C-alpha atoms as a PDB file:
ATOM      1  CA  MET A   1       8.973 -27.429 -10.511  1.00  0.00           C
ATOM      2  CA  LYS A   2      10.275 -24.656 -12.789  1.00  0.00           C
ATOM      3  CA  HIS A   3      11.829 -21.704 -10.964  1.00  0.00           C
ATOM      4  CA  ASN A   4       9.900 -18.462 -11.293  1.00  0.00           C
ATOM      5  CA  PRO A   5      12.404 -15.569 -11.527  1.00  0.00           C
ATOM      6  CA  LEU A   6       9.616 -13.091 -10.684  1.00  0.00           C
ATOM      7  CA  ALA A   7       8.507 -14.829  -7.491  1.00  0.00           C
ATOM      8  CA  VAL A   8       8.780 -12.868  -4.257  1.00  0.00           C
ATOM      9  CA  ALA A   9       8.689 -14.148  -0.696  1.00  0.00           C
ATOM     10  CA  LEU A  10       7.871 -11.356   1.746  1.00  0.00           C
ATOM     11  CA  GLN A  11       9.459 -13.130   4.687  1.00  0.00           C
ATOM     12  CA  GLY A  12       8.880 -11.479   8.038  1.00  0.00           C
ATOM     13  CA  PRO A  13       9.832 -12.658  11.504  1.00  0.00           C
ATOM     14  CA  ARG A  14       6.497 -14.457  11.955  1.00  0.00           C
ATOM     15  CA  HIS A  15       4.898 -14.964   8.561  1.00  0.00           C
ATOM     16  CA  CYS A  16       5.736 -15.104   4.864  1.00  0.00           C
ATOM     17  CA  LEU A  17       3.556 -13.771   2.045  1.00  0.00           C
ATOM     18  CA  ASN A  18       4.375 -15.470  -1.261  1.00  0.00           C
ATOM     19  CA  LEU A  19       3.772 -13.575  -4.514  1.00  0.00           C
ATOM     20  CA  LYS A  20       4.077 -14.944  -8.044  1.00  0.00           C
ATOM     21  CA  ASN A  21       5.464 -11.554  -9.124  1.00  0.00           C
ATOM     22  CA  PRO A  22       6.220  -8.264  -7.341  1.00  0.00           C
ATOM     23  CA  VAL A  23       3.335  -6.230  -8.810  1.00  0.00           C
ATOM     24  CA  MET A  24       0.568  -5.559  -6.307  1.00  0.00           C
ATOM     25  CA  THR A  25      -2.164  -2.929  -6.362  1.00  0.00           C
ATOM     26  CA  ALA A  26      -2.265   0.036  -3.995  1.00  0.00           C
ATOM     27  CA  SER A  27      -5.168   0.458  -1.611  1.00  0.00           C
ATOM     28  CA  GLY A  28      -7.697   3.079  -2.613  1.00  0.00           C
ATOM     29  CA  THR A  29      -6.817   2.917  -6.316  1.00  0.00           C
ATOM     30  CA  PHE A  30      -8.137  -0.506  -7.309  1.00  0.00           C
ATOM     31  CA  GLY A  31     -11.489  -0.597  -5.560  1.00  0.00           C
ATOM     32  CA  TYR A  32     -12.187  -4.019  -4.125  1.00  0.00           C
ATOM     33  CA  GLY A  33     -10.502  -5.569  -7.167  1.00  0.00           C
ATOM     34  CA  LEU A  34     -13.771  -6.628  -8.757  1.00  0.00           C
ATOM     35  CA  GLU A  35     -14.103  -3.288 -10.541  1.00  0.00           C
ATOM     36  CA  PHE A  36     -10.975  -4.015 -12.610  1.00  0.00           C
ATOM     37  CA  GLN A  37     -11.511  -7.637 -13.588  1.00  0.00           C
ATOM     38  CA  SER A  38     -12.685  -6.672 -17.086  1.00  0.00           C
ATOM     39  CA  TYR A  39      -9.277  -5.065 -17.765  1.00  0.00           C
ATOM     40  CA  GLY A  40      -7.120  -8.108 -17.045  1.00  0.00           C
ATOM     41  CA  ASP A  41      -6.714 -11.372 -15.196  1.00  0.00           C
ATOM     42  CA  LEU A  42      -6.702 -10.582 -11.475  1.00  0.00           C
ATOM     43  CA  ALA A  43      -4.836 -13.835 -10.833  1.00  0.00           C
ATOM     44  CA  SER A  44      -1.919 -12.610 -12.968  1.00  0.00           C
ATOM     45  CA  LEU A  45      -1.041  -9.979 -10.364  1.00  0.00           C
ATOM     46  CA  GLY A  46       1.306 -10.494  -7.453  1.00  0.00           C
ATOM     47  CA  GLY A  47      -1.361  -9.389  -5.006  1.00  0.00           C
ATOM     48  CA  ILE A  48      -4.534  -7.324  -4.665  1.00  0.00           C
ATOM     49  CA  VAL A  49      -4.635  -4.749  -1.892  1.00  0.00           C
ATOM     50  CA  VAL A  50      -8.254  -3.687  -1.496  1.00  0.00           C
ATOM     51  CA  LYS A  51      -9.477  -0.235  -0.550  1.00  0.00           C
ATOM     52  CA  GLY A  52      -9.275   0.681   3.124  1.00  0.00           C
ATOM     53  CA  LEU A  53     -11.717  -1.107   5.409  1.00  0.00           C
ATOM     54  CA  SER A  54     -13.236   0.265   8.596  1.00  0.00           C
ATOM     55  CA  LEU A  55     -15.423  -1.409  11.208  1.00  0.00           C
ATOM     56  CA  GLN A  56     -18.471   0.524  10.036  1.00  0.00           C
ATOM     57  CA  PRO A  57     -19.339   1.894   6.560  1.00  0.00           C
ATOM     58  CA  ARG A  58     -18.049   5.399   5.835  1.00  0.00           C
ATOM     59  CA  PRO A  59     -19.502   7.876   3.314  1.00  0.00           C
ATOM     60  CA  GLY A  60     -16.214   9.716   2.837  1.00  0.00           C
ATOM     61  CA  ASN A  61     -15.603  13.440   2.465  1.00  0.00           C
ATOM     62  CA  PRO A  62     -17.755  16.034   0.643  1.00  0.00           C
ATOM     63  CA  THR A  63     -17.081  16.661  -3.039  1.00  0.00           C
ATOM     64  CA  PRO A  64     -15.049  17.785  -4.871  1.00  0.00           C
ATOM     65  CA  ARG A  65     -12.541  15.353  -3.467  1.00  0.00           C
ATOM     66  CA  VAL A  66     -10.223  14.640  -6.410  1.00  0.00           C
ATOM     67  CA  ALA A  67      -8.161  17.202  -8.317  1.00  0.00           C
ATOM     68  CA  GLU A  68      -5.653  16.679 -11.114  1.00  0.00           C
ATOM     69  CA  THR A  69      -2.220  18.257 -10.664  1.00  0.00           C
ATOM     70  CA  ALA A  70       0.930  18.407 -12.763  1.00  0.00           C
ATOM     71  CA  CYS A  71       2.146  14.794 -13.096  1.00  0.00           C
ATOM     72  CA  GLY A  72      -0.230  13.553 -10.416  1.00  0.00           C
ATOM     73  CA  MET A  73      -3.432  13.997  -8.507  1.00  0.00           C
ATOM     74  CA  LEU A  74      -4.751  15.110  -5.142  1.00  0.00           C
ATOM     75  CA  ASN A  75      -7.418  13.165  -3.330  1.00  0.00           C
ATOM     76  CA  ALA A  76      -9.414  13.690  -0.175  1.00  0.00           C
ATOM     77  CA  VAL A  77     -11.873  10.834  -0.666  1.00  0.00           C
ATOM     78  CA  GLY A  78     -12.008  10.291   3.064  1.00  0.00           C
ATOM     79  CA  LEU A  79     -11.617   6.515   3.074  1.00  0.00           C
ATOM     80  CA  GLN A  80     -15.130   5.836   1.795  1.00  0.00           C
ATOM     81  CA  ASN A  81     -15.953   2.130   2.085  1.00  0.00           C
ATOM     82  CA  ASP A  82     -18.776  -0.321   2.759  1.00  0.00           C
ATOM     83  CA  GLY A  83     -17.344  -1.602   6.040  1.00  0.00           C
ATOM     84  CA  VAL A  84     -15.544  -4.807   6.903  1.00  0.00           C
ATOM     85  CA  GLU A  85     -18.656  -7.003   7.155  1.00  0.00           C
ATOM     86  CA  SER A  86     -19.832  -6.107   3.672  1.00  0.00           C
ATOM     87  CA  PHE A  87     -16.365  -6.827   2.303  1.00  0.00           C
ATOM     88  CA  VAL A  88     -16.111 -10.240   3.965  1.00  0.00           C
ATOM     89  CA  LYS A  89     -19.608 -11.363   3.027  1.00  0.00           C
ATOM     90  CA  GLU A  90     -20.185  -9.744  -0.364  1.00  0.00           C
ATOM     91  CA  LYS A  91     -16.898  -8.743  -2.014  1.00  0.00           C
ATOM     92  CA  LEU A  92     -14.257 -11.249  -0.934  1.00  0.00           C
ATOM     93  CA  PRO A  93     -16.127 -14.410  -2.079  1.00  0.00           C
ATOM     94  CA  LYS A  94     -16.136 -13.040  -5.634  1.00  0.00           C
ATOM     95  CA  LEU A  95     -12.373 -12.472  -5.717  1.00  0.00           C
ATOM     96  CA  PRO A  96      -9.964 -15.218  -6.924  1.00  0.00           C
ATOM     97  CA  TRP A  97      -8.329 -15.351  -3.495  1.00  0.00           C
ATOM     98  CA  LYS A  98      -7.218 -18.944  -3.978  1.00  0.00           C
ATOM     99  CA  ASP A  99      -5.144 -17.855  -6.994  1.00  0.00           C
ATOM    100  CA  VAL A 100      -3.811 -14.471  -5.874  1.00  0.00           C
ATOM    101  CA  PRO A 101      -3.177 -13.084  -2.374  1.00  0.00           C
ATOM    102  CA  VAL A 102      -5.856 -10.614  -1.272  1.00  0.00           C
ATOM    103  CA  VAL A 103      -4.545  -8.102   1.254  1.00  0.00           C
ATOM    104  CA  ALA A 104      -7.010  -6.214   3.448  1.00  0.00           C
ATOM    105  CA  ASN A 105      -5.998  -2.617   4.137  1.00  0.00           C
ATOM    106  CA  ILE A 106      -7.446  -1.473   7.472  1.00  0.00           C
ATOM    107  CA  TYR A 107      -7.759   1.854   9.265  1.00  0.00           C
ATOM    108  CA  ALA A 108      -9.288   3.074  12.506  1.00  0.00           C
ATOM    109  CA  SER A 109      -9.193   5.973  14.944  1.00  0.00           C
ATOM    110  CA  SER A 110      -7.706   4.141  17.945  1.00  0.00           C
ATOM    111  CA  ALA A 111      -5.308   1.279  18.601  1.00  0.00           C
ATOM    112  CA  GLU A 112      -8.157  -0.673  20.180  1.00  0.00           C
ATOM    113  CA  GLU A 113     -10.334  -0.267  17.108  1.00  0.00           C
ATOM    114  CA  PHE A 114      -7.463  -1.437  14.906  1.00  0.00           C
ATOM    115  CA  GLY A 115      -7.346  -4.524  17.108  1.00  0.00           C
ATOM    116  CA  GLU A 116     -11.054  -5.166  16.622  1.00  0.00           C
ATOM    117  CA  LEU A 117     -10.683  -5.015  12.851  1.00  0.00           C
ATOM    118  CA  ALA A 118      -7.682  -7.311  12.937  1.00  0.00           C
ATOM    119  CA  ALA A 119      -9.504  -9.852  15.092  1.00  0.00           C
ATOM    120  CA  ARG A 120     -12.447  -9.890  12.672  1.00  0.00           C
ATOM    121  CA  LEU A 121     -10.166 -10.620   9.725  1.00  0.00           C
ATOM    122  CA  ASN A 122      -7.744 -13.006  11.405  1.00  0.00           C
ATOM    123  CA  GLU A 123      -9.813 -16.119  10.764  1.00  0.00           C
ATOM    124  CA  VAL A 124     -11.082 -15.168   7.296  1.00  0.00           C
ATOM    125  CA  PRO A 125      -9.362 -17.646   4.933  1.00  0.00           C
ATOM    126  CA  GLY A 126      -9.597 -15.427   1.863  1.00  0.00           C
ATOM    127  CA  VAL A 127      -7.544 -12.657   3.457  1.00  0.00           C
ATOM    128  CA  ALA A 128      -3.872 -13.444   2.872  1.00  0.00           C
ATOM    129  CA  ALA A 129      -2.457 -10.528   4.880  1.00  0.00           C
ATOM    130  CA  LEU A 130      -3.302  -7.243   6.552  1.00  0.00           C
ATOM    131  CA  GLU A 131      -1.944  -3.845   5.545  1.00  0.00           C
ATOM    132  CA  VAL A 132      -2.318  -1.280   8.315  1.00  0.00           C
ATOM    133  CA  ASN A 133      -2.906   2.332   7.319  1.00  0.00           C
ATOM    134  CA  ILE A 134      -1.292   4.410  10.071  1.00  0.00           C
ATOM    135  CA  SER A 135      -1.691   7.637   8.067  1.00  0.00           C
ATOM    136  CA  CYS A 136      -4.963   8.369   9.824  1.00  0.00           C
ATOM    137  CA  PRO A 137      -5.815  10.494  12.877  1.00  0.00           C
ATOM    138  CA  ASN A 138      -5.871   9.163  16.423  1.00  0.00           C
ATOM    139  CA  VAL A 139      -8.964  10.704  17.986  1.00  0.00           C
ATOM    140  CA  HIS A 140      -7.609   9.989  21.469  1.00  0.00           C
ATOM    141  CA  ALA A 141      -4.489  12.029  20.768  1.00  0.00           C
ATOM    142  CA  GLY A 142      -6.136  15.180  19.449  1.00  0.00           C
ATOM    143  CA  GLY A 143      -6.202  14.065  15.835  1.00  0.00           C
ATOM    144  CA  SER A 144      -2.460  13.530  15.370  1.00  0.00           C
ATOM    145  CA  LEU A 145      -1.567  10.845  12.843  1.00  0.00           C
ATOM    146  CA  PHE A 146      -0.538   7.439  14.171  1.00  0.00           C
ATOM    147  CA  GLY A 147       2.201   7.269  11.565  1.00  0.00           C
ATOM    148  CA  GLN A 148       3.897  10.501  12.628  1.00  0.00           C
ATOM    149  CA  ASP A 149       4.903   9.245  16.065  1.00  0.00           C
ATOM    150  CA  PRO A 150       6.998   6.104  16.656  1.00  0.00           C
ATOM    151  CA  CYS A 151       5.187   5.261  19.883  1.00  0.00           C
ATOM    152  CA  GLN A 152       1.713   5.561  18.361  1.00  0.00           C
ATOM    153  CA  ALA A 153       2.790   3.629  15.259  1.00  0.00           C
ATOM    154  CA  ALA A 154       4.170   0.861  17.467  1.00  0.00           C
ATOM    155  CA  ALA A 155       1.014   0.768  19.598  1.00  0.00           C
ATOM    156  CA  VAL A 156      -1.191   0.224  16.544  1.00  0.00           C
ATOM    157  CA  THR A 157       1.148  -2.421  15.156  1.00  0.00           C
ATOM    158  CA  ALA A 158       1.232  -4.271  18.485  1.00  0.00           C
ATOM    159  CA  SER A 159      -2.562  -4.179  18.750  1.00  0.00           C
ATOM    160  CA  VAL A 160      -3.017  -5.625  15.266  1.00  0.00           C
ATOM    161  CA  ARG A 161      -0.296  -8.210  15.830  1.00  0.00           C
ATOM    162  CA  ALA A 162      -1.912  -9.390  19.076  1.00  0.00           C
ATOM    163  CA  ASN A 163      -5.356  -9.678  17.491  1.00  0.00           C
ATOM    164  CA  ALA A 164      -4.295 -11.188  14.165  1.00  0.00           C
ATOM    165  CA  PRO A 165      -1.546 -13.654  15.084  1.00  0.00           C
ATOM    166  CA  ASP A 166      -2.233 -15.804  12.013  1.00  0.00           C
ATOM    167  CA  LYS A 167      -1.810 -13.162   9.306  1.00  0.00           C
ATOM    168  CA  PRO A 168       1.246 -11.531   7.737  1.00  0.00           C
ATOM    169  CA  LEU A 169       1.261  -7.903   8.872  1.00  0.00           C
ATOM    170  CA  ILE A 170       2.276  -5.025   6.591  1.00  0.00           C
ATOM    171  CA  VAL A 171       2.376  -1.475   7.960  1.00  0.00           C
ATOM    172  CA  LYS A 172       1.970   1.374   5.448  1.00  0.00           C
ATOM    173  CA  LEU A 173       4.151   4.350   6.288  1.00  0.00           C
ATOM    174  CA  THR A 174       3.495   8.033   5.715  1.00  0.00           C
ATOM    175  CA  PRO A 175       6.180  10.263   4.164  1.00  0.00           C
ATOM    176  CA  ASN A 176       4.905  13.249   6.148  1.00  0.00           C
ATOM    177  CA  VAL A 177       7.475  12.770   8.902  1.00  0.00           C
ATOM    178  CA  THR A 178      10.950  13.958   9.812  1.00  0.00           C
ATOM    179  CA  SER A 179      12.458  10.448   9.796  1.00  0.00           C
ATOM    180  CA  ILE A 180      10.566   7.643   8.097  1.00  0.00           C
ATOM    181  CA  ALA A 181      13.339   5.239   9.104  1.00  0.00           C
ATOM    182  CA  ASP A 182      12.534   5.810  12.790  1.00  0.00           C
ATOM    183  CA  ILE A 183       8.878   4.948  12.198  1.00  0.00           C
ATOM    184  CA  ALA A 184       9.867   1.855  10.235  1.00  0.00           C
ATOM    185  CA  ARG A 185      12.087   0.611  13.043  1.00  0.00           C
ATOM    186  CA  SER A 186       9.327   1.185  15.597  1.00  0.00           C
ATOM    187  CA  VAL A 187       6.780  -0.942  13.722  1.00  0.00           C
ATOM    188  CA  GLU A 188       9.372  -3.632  13.021  1.00  0.00           C
ATOM    189  CA  ASP A 189      10.070  -3.891  16.733  1.00  0.00           C
ATOM    190  CA  ALA A 190       6.313  -4.040  17.433  1.00  0.00           C
ATOM    191  CA  GLY A 191       5.722  -7.053  15.202  1.00  0.00           C
ATOM    192  CA  ALA A 192       5.380  -5.983  11.562  1.00  0.00           C
ATOM    193  CA  ASP A 193       6.344  -8.579   8.951  1.00  0.00           C
ATOM    194  CA  ALA A 194       6.837  -5.929   6.244  1.00  0.00           C
ATOM    195  CA  VAL A 195       6.342  -2.232   5.571  1.00  0.00           C
ATOM    196  CA  SER A 196       4.956  -0.452   2.529  1.00  0.00           C
ATOM    197  CA  CYS A 197       5.989   3.075   1.659  1.00  0.00           C
ATOM    198  CA  ILE A 198       4.935   5.597   0.821  1.00  0.00           C
ATOM    199  CA  ASN A 199       1.415   6.756   1.445  1.00  0.00           C
ATOM    200  CA  THR A 200       0.450  10.091  -0.129  1.00  0.00           C
ATOM    201  CA  LEU A 201       2.166  13.411   0.487  1.00  0.00           C
ATOM    202  CA  LEU A 202       0.050  16.170   2.014  1.00  0.00           C
ATOM    203  CA  GLY A 203      -0.747  18.865  -0.554  1.00  0.00           C
ATOM    204  CA  MET A 204      -3.343  21.285  -1.844  1.00  0.00           C
ATOM    205  CA  ALA A 205      -4.514  23.004  -5.007  1.00  0.00           C
ATOM    206  CA  VAL A 206      -6.378  26.285  -5.500  1.00  0.00           C
ATOM    207  CA  ASP A 207      -8.597  27.789  -8.197  1.00  0.00           C
ATOM    208  CA  LEU A 208      -7.357  31.269  -9.025  1.00  0.00           C
ATOM    209  CA  GLN A 209     -10.623  32.312 -10.663  1.00  0.00           C
ATOM    210  CA  THR A 210     -12.899  31.370  -7.776  1.00  0.00           C
ATOM    211  CA  ARG A 211     -10.205  31.931  -5.129  1.00  0.00           C
ATOM    212  CA  ARG A 212     -11.234  28.676  -3.513  1.00  0.00           C
ATOM    213  CA  PRO A 213      -9.456  25.387  -2.813  1.00  0.00           C
ATOM    214  CA  ARG A 214     -10.021  22.731  -5.450  1.00  0.00           C
ATOM    215  CA  LEU A 215     -10.807  20.150  -2.774  1.00  0.00           C
ATOM    216  CA  ALA A 216     -13.711  20.565  -0.376  1.00  0.00           C
ATOM    217  CA  ASN A 217     -11.393  19.266   2.318  1.00  0.00           C
ATOM    218  CA  VAL A 218      -8.855  21.984   1.337  1.00  0.00           C
ATOM    219  CA  VAL A 219      -5.882  19.615   1.660  1.00  0.00           C
ATOM    220  CA  GLY A 220      -5.467  16.106   0.331  1.00  0.00           C
ATOM    221  CA  GLY A 221      -3.025  13.361  -0.567  1.00  0.00           C
ATOM    222  CA  LEU A 222      -0.691  13.911  -3.508  1.00  0.00           C
ATOM    223  CA  SER A 223       0.136  10.845  -5.600  1.00  0.00           C
ATOM    224  CA  GLY A 224       1.314   9.904  -9.071  1.00  0.00           C
ATOM    225  CA  PRO A 225       4.604  10.211 -10.981  1.00  0.00           C
ATOM    226  CA  CYS A 226       5.430  13.475  -9.203  1.00  0.00           C
ATOM    227  CA  VAL A 227       5.987  11.658  -5.886  1.00  0.00           C
ATOM    228  CA  LYS A 228       8.220   8.906  -7.273  1.00  0.00           C
ATOM    229  CA  PRO A 229      11.525  10.600  -6.302  1.00  0.00           C
ATOM    230  CA  VAL A 230      10.272  10.960  -2.722  1.00  0.00           C
ATOM    231  CA  ALA A 231       9.084   7.360  -2.667  1.00  0.00           C
ATOM    232  CA  LEU A 232      12.407   6.065  -3.976  1.00  0.00           C
ATOM    233  CA  ARG A 233      14.262   8.012  -1.299  1.00  0.00           C
ATOM    234  CA  CYS A 234      11.994   6.684   1.427  1.00  0.00           C
ATOM    235  CA  VAL A 235      12.285   3.071   0.279  1.00  0.00           C
ATOM    236  CA  TRP A 236      16.075   3.397   0.113  1.00  0.00           C
ATOM    237  CA  GLN A 237      16.212   4.823   3.643  1.00  0.00           C
ATOM    238  CA  VAL A 238      13.785   2.297   5.114  1.00  0.00           C
ATOM    239  CA  ALA A 239      15.417  -0.712   3.430  1.00  0.00           C
ATOM    240  CA  ARG A 240      18.715   0.262   5.049  1.00  0.00           C
ATOM    241  CA  ALA A 241      17.067   0.714   8.459  1.00  0.00           C
ATOM    242  CA  VAL A 242      15.064  -2.517   8.881  1.00  0.00           C
ATOM    243  CA  GLN A 243      15.473  -6.245   8.329  1.00  0.00           C
ATOM    244  CA  ILE A 244      11.895  -6.871   7.176  1.00  0.00           C
ATOM    245  CA  PRO A 245      10.797  -6.598   3.510  1.00  0.00           C
ATOM    246  CA  VAL A 246       9.880  -3.215   2.045  1.00  0.00           C
ATOM    247  CA  ILE A 247       7.099  -2.725  -0.507  1.00  0.00           C
ATOM    248  CA  GLY A 248       7.607   0.358  -2.696  1.00  0.00           C
ATOM    249  CA  VAL A 249       4.670   2.618  -3.515  1.00  0.00           C
ATOM    250  CA  GLY A 250       4.582   5.935  -5.334  1.00  0.00           C
ATOM    251  CA  GLY A 251       4.452   6.936  -8.995  1.00  0.00           C
ATOM    252  CA  ILE A 252       4.988   3.491 -10.506  1.00  0.00           C
ATOM    253  CA  CYS A 253       3.816   3.540 -14.127  1.00  0.00           C
ATOM    254  CA  SER A 254       6.103   1.086 -15.913  1.00  0.00           C
ATOM    255  CA  ALA A 255       8.096  -2.094 -15.491  1.00  0.00           C
ATOM    256  CA  GLU A 256      11.251   0.023 -15.409  1.00  0.00           C
ATOM    257  CA  ASP A 257       9.808   1.909 -12.430  1.00  0.00           C
ATOM    258  CA  VAL A 258       9.338  -1.416 -10.651  1.00  0.00           C
ATOM    259  CA  LEU A 259      12.985  -2.311 -11.213  1.00  0.00           C
ATOM    260  CA  GLU A 260      14.128   1.078  -9.900  1.00  0.00           C
ATOM    261  CA  PHE A 261      12.312   0.397  -6.635  1.00  0.00           C
ATOM    262  CA  VAL A 262      13.841  -3.089  -6.474  1.00  0.00           C
ATOM    263  CA  LEU A 263      17.275  -1.566  -7.055  1.00  0.00           C
ATOM    264  CA  VAL A 264      16.928   0.694  -4.010  1.00  0.00           C
ATOM    265  CA  GLY A 265      15.797  -2.203  -1.843  1.00  0.00           C
ATOM    266  CA  ALA A 266      12.106  -2.969  -2.403  1.00  0.00           C
ATOM    267  CA  SER A 267      10.983  -6.593  -2.427  1.00  0.00           C
ATOM    268  CA  ALA A 268       7.696  -5.785  -4.169  1.00  0.00           C
ATOM    269  CA  VAL A 269       5.697  -2.745  -5.284  1.00  0.00           C
ATOM    270  CA  GLU A 270       2.150  -1.428  -5.337  1.00  0.00           C
ATOM    271  CA  VAL A 271       0.725   0.304  -8.413  1.00  0.00           C
ATOM    272  CA  GLY A 272      -1.677   3.094  -7.525  1.00  0.00           C
ATOM    273  CA  THR A 273      -2.480   6.291  -9.424  1.00  0.00           C
ATOM    274  CA  ALA A 274      -1.433   4.709 -12.732  1.00  0.00           C
ATOM    275  CA  SER A 275      -4.662   2.688 -12.573  1.00  0.00           C
ATOM    276  CA  PHE A 276      -6.633   5.934 -12.836  1.00  0.00           C
ATOM    277  CA  MET A 277      -4.741   6.847 -15.999  1.00  0.00           C
ATOM    278  CA  ARG A 278      -4.952   3.318 -17.445  1.00  0.00           C
ATOM    279  CA  PRO A 279      -7.244   0.798 -15.763  1.00  0.00           C
ATOM    280  CA  ASP A 280      -5.056  -2.000 -17.130  1.00  0.00           C
ATOM    281  CA  ALA A 281      -1.842  -0.470 -15.774  1.00  0.00           C
ATOM    282  CA  ALA A 282      -1.038  -3.075 -13.118  1.00  0.00           C
ATOM    283  CA  PHE A 283      -1.712  -5.951 -15.517  1.00  0.00           C
ATOM    284  CA  ARG A 284       0.418  -4.338 -18.236  1.00  0.00           C
ATOM    285  CA  ILE A 285       3.307  -3.647 -15.872  1.00  0.00           C
ATOM    286  CA  ALA A 286       3.330  -7.250 -14.628  1.00  0.00           C
ATOM    287  CA  GLN A 287       3.291  -8.486 -18.216  1.00  0.00           C
ATOM    288  CA  ASP A 288       6.117  -6.150 -19.279  1.00  0.00           C
ATOM    289  CA  LEU A 289       8.390  -6.965 -16.355  1.00  0.00           C
ATOM    290  CA  PRO A 290      10.167 -10.028 -17.845  1.00  0.00           C
ATOM    291  CA  HIS A 291      11.075  -8.064 -20.973  1.00  0.00           C
ATOM    292  CA  ALA A 292      12.370  -5.124 -18.926  1.00  0.00           C
ATOM    293  CA  MET A 293      14.533  -7.502 -16.900  1.00  0.00           C
ATOM    294  CA  GLU A 294      15.838  -9.169 -20.034  1.00  0.00           C
ATOM    295  CA  SER A 295      16.795  -5.804 -21.573  1.00  0.00           C
ATOM    296  CA  LEU A 296      18.933  -5.108 -18.492  1.00  0.00           C
ATOM    297  CA  GLY A 297      20.461  -8.557 -18.459  1.00  0.00           C
ATOM    298  CA  VAL A 298      18.761  -9.323 -15.136  1.00  0.00           C
ATOM    299  CA  GLN A 299      17.702 -12.930 -14.700  1.00  0.00           C
ATOM    300  CA  SER A 300      16.048 -12.628 -11.292  1.00  0.00           C
ATOM    301  CA  LEU A 301      14.905  -9.862  -8.991  1.00  0.00           C
ATOM    302  CA  ASP A 302      17.219 -11.137  -6.276  1.00  0.00           C
ATOM    303  CA  GLU A 303      20.343 -10.166  -8.206  1.00  0.00           C
ATOM    304  CA  LEU A 304      19.097  -6.572  -8.557  1.00  0.00           C
ATOM    305  CA  ARG A 305      17.499  -5.980  -5.161  1.00  0.00           C
ATOM    306  CA  GLY A 306      19.322  -3.425  -3.034  1.00  0.00           C
ATOM    307  CA  GLN A 307      22.278  -3.200  -5.403  1.00  0.00           C
ATOM    308  CA  LEU A 308      22.270   0.584  -5.794  1.00  0.00           C
ATOM    309  CA  LYS A 309      25.852   1.845  -6.055  1.00  0.00           C
ATOM    310  CA  ALA A 310      25.650   4.751  -3.660  1.00  0.00           C
END
C-alpha cells in the first residue's frame, strides 16, 4: 500500500483516530456537513466535526448574533441545534461516515448531562469520535465555564470517558484562561485522547451611532484570522505540556497556516471561520497542502511537526 504523507494518526492512550489528511472542520462553522457538500467532496477532508449537539433541541440566542470585525467575526449563536436524536436519525445517515471520520461535538450544563450525551453516542457506528466543548457554563457552579477550572474540566472529561469507553475523546479548550496548559494536563489525566485548541476568544462590538452592542447577547466569541497568533501560542504551549495529540484551531485560511500549526506542535487542524468567507475553504486547503509542503521541501508532516526553533 502506498504511503500517504498527509495521513495523521491521532493516537491517544486509549484510542486512535486515523485521518487521511490533517484538515478537519471546526464545530459550529460547517453545519452538520451536509450543507457544504455542494462545494466539495466531503470524503476528501481529514474529518468532519459537526455543530455542537445537546440532549434536547436548542433555539439559540436572540438576533443579532453575528457581527463582522476587523479580520474576523463575533458570534453569539448560542449553540443552536436540532438535538442529538435528530442528528443520529436524520443527519448522520446522509453523511459519508464510512469514508471520512465524523466527529460529534457535544455540550451540556453539567458533568452528568455530558455523560448522558456520551452514552447515547457511544454505540453509534457513524460517530468516529467525540469532541467535548468545555467552553460552556456549569449551571451547578453558578454559571462558571467548565473549561476555566482544571477540576471542572477533568470532571467533564471523566464523565464522558466513563460513558463512551469505545470512542476517541477530544476535549476542546478555551483560551479564556490564565494557563491553558494546566487545563490541558487536567483533561489528559482524566482520560482525553486528544485536545483541540482554541475555542473562541471572548469579545464584543458596539455601534457608535445607536450606542448599542452589535450582538443581542452583548458579548460573543471572536474568531477568524485575528485570533491566529493567540491560537498558535496556545497550541505551542499545550503541545509542550501534554503527551496526547493537539488539534490546532483558530484563523486557518490557507495550507501555509496549516503547516504553521504543525510546526508548533499540532497533529491536525480544524478550519472554521474561513468557511464563512469561502464555503469551499476546507476543501481548497486540503487540496493545496501537498503543494505547500513541496514548496518548503517537506515530504511528510512528521518531519515538520513540533520542529519550531525556539
